[in-house]
Protein backbone atom coordinates (compact mmCIF):
# COMPACT_ATOMS: atom_id res chain seq x y z
CA MET A 1 75.62 103.50 72.14
CA LYS A 2 79.21 104.56 73.09
CA LYS A 3 78.08 106.05 76.62
CA ILE A 4 76.73 102.10 77.22
CA LEU A 5 80.11 100.55 75.93
CA ILE A 6 82.16 102.45 78.17
CA ILE A 7 79.46 101.91 81.26
CA VAL A 8 79.74 98.12 80.88
CA ALA A 9 83.54 97.92 80.43
CA ALA A 10 84.29 100.23 83.10
CA LEU A 11 81.90 98.02 85.29
CA ILE A 12 83.41 94.51 83.95
CA PHE A 13 87.35 96.18 84.83
CA GLY A 14 85.95 97.14 88.33
CA CYS A 15 84.77 93.99 88.65
CA PHE A 16 88.14 92.30 88.41
CA CYS A 17 90.03 94.94 89.86
CA ALA A 18 88.29 95.65 93.25
CA LYS A 19 89.38 92.56 95.02
CA ALA A 20 87.49 91.97 98.92
CA GLN A 21 89.86 91.64 101.62
CA THR A 22 87.90 88.23 102.62
CA VAL A 23 90.12 86.01 104.34
CA TYR A 24 89.82 82.92 106.15
CA SER A 25 91.84 81.78 108.54
CA CYS A 26 93.57 78.63 108.01
CA LYS A 27 94.32 75.67 110.95
CA TYR A 28 97.65 74.22 108.72
CA LYS A 29 100.31 76.44 107.30
CA SER A 30 100.32 74.54 103.94
CA ASP A 31 96.63 75.38 103.39
CA ALA A 32 97.49 79.22 103.48
CA LYS A 33 98.41 81.66 100.77
CA VAL A 34 100.03 84.00 103.13
CA LYS A 35 101.91 84.10 106.53
CA VAL A 36 101.09 86.70 108.48
CA TYR A 37 102.49 87.88 112.28
CA VAL A 38 100.71 89.97 114.34
CA THR A 39 102.70 92.49 116.05
CA LYS A 40 101.89 94.61 119.15
CA TYR A 41 103.24 98.19 118.35
CA LYS A 42 101.63 99.56 114.93
CA SER A 43 105.14 100.95 113.87
CA ASP A 44 106.22 97.11 113.35
CA ALA A 45 103.39 96.70 110.97
CA ASP A 46 103.90 96.39 107.32
CA LEU A 47 99.89 96.70 107.45
CA VAL A 48 97.26 97.97 109.62
CA VAL A 49 94.01 96.24 109.59
CA TYR A 50 91.20 96.95 110.86
CA ARG A 51 88.39 93.79 111.15
CA CYS A 52 84.97 94.90 109.30
CA LYS A 53 81.79 93.41 110.77
CA TYR A 54 80.47 93.14 107.41
CA LYS A 55 81.45 91.61 104.28
CA SER A 56 80.44 94.46 102.02
CA ASP A 57 82.79 97.03 104.25
CA ALA A 58 85.66 95.07 103.49
CA GLN A 59 86.70 96.48 99.99
CA GLY A 60 89.78 96.95 98.21
CA ASN A 61 93.39 96.51 99.59
CA LYS A 62 93.29 98.83 102.07
CA GLY A 63 93.63 96.40 105.31
CA LEU A 64 90.12 96.10 105.81
CA TRP A 65 89.31 92.46 106.37
CA TYR A 66 86.26 90.62 106.64
CA PHE A 67 86.82 86.98 108.23
CA THR A 68 84.75 84.24 106.66
CA ASP A 69 83.60 81.02 108.42
CA TYR A 70 84.22 79.07 105.00
CA LYS A 71 87.52 79.04 103.01
CA SER A 72 85.65 79.19 99.85
CA ASP A 73 84.35 82.62 100.85
CA ALA A 74 87.64 83.85 100.96
CA LYS A 75 89.67 86.00 98.31
CA LYS A 76 92.69 85.06 100.51
CA THR A 77 93.83 82.30 102.57
CA ILE A 78 96.17 83.26 105.49
CA TYR A 79 97.91 81.49 108.59
CA PHE A 80 98.87 83.27 111.75
CA VAL A 81 102.79 82.06 112.46
CA ASP A 82 104.34 82.22 115.72
CA TYR A 83 107.33 84.34 114.48
CA LYS A 84 108.00 87.61 112.67
CA SER A 85 110.78 85.66 110.80
CA ASP A 86 108.33 83.71 109.28
CA ALA A 87 105.95 85.77 107.95
CA ASP A 88 105.41 86.90 104.56
CA ILE A 89 103.87 90.38 106.19
CA VAL A 90 103.59 91.65 109.46
CA ILE A 91 100.27 93.36 110.69
CA TYR A 92 98.80 95.09 113.46
CA PHE A 93 94.94 94.65 114.41
CA THR A 94 93.61 98.67 114.93
CA ASP A 95 90.51 99.51 116.50
CA TYR A 96 89.46 102.44 113.89
CA LYS A 97 88.56 101.89 110.35
CA SER A 98 90.77 105.29 109.72
CA ASP A 99 93.67 103.96 110.69
CA ALA A 100 93.68 100.71 108.37
CA GLY A 101 96.38 100.76 105.49
CA TRP A 102 99.71 99.83 104.32
CA LYS A 103 102.73 101.06 106.04
CA ASN A 104 104.88 98.93 103.74
CA LYS A 105 104.04 99.59 100.27
CA SER A 106 106.54 97.01 98.66
CA LYS A 107 104.55 93.81 100.46
CA GLU A 108 100.99 95.32 98.74
CA HIS A 109 101.01 92.44 95.90
CA LYS A 110 100.85 89.44 98.53
CA MET A 111 97.24 90.25 99.41
CA TYR A 112 96.39 90.74 95.82
C-alpha cells in the first residue's frame, strides 16, 4: 500500500513540476507573458532554443520549444521584440537539440 501511495504522489508531483515549453508567439506585446529578443550570436543569449517538431519533445525548461498554433495550447505566450533592451530574455535559435539550454540561469524563472 505504501508503494502505491509513493508512486501516486510521485506522478502527481511530476505533473505539476514538469512544464512543457509549448509557446505561442503573440501578435501584440500586451498579450505576451515574456518578451523575447533573438540574437545572431550564441554567446549573447540567455537561452539557446531548439525548435521541436513534436510537442512531446518539448519537455522541461531546457530550451526545447514547440510553437503552438493556438494560444490556449501554450504554456507560455511570447512576443518577439526588435530591441535587446526591451526583452525579458535573449535567445539564440540552434539547429542542434544538444545545444539547447540556459546560459544565464538567473533568468530561468521567466519561462516557468
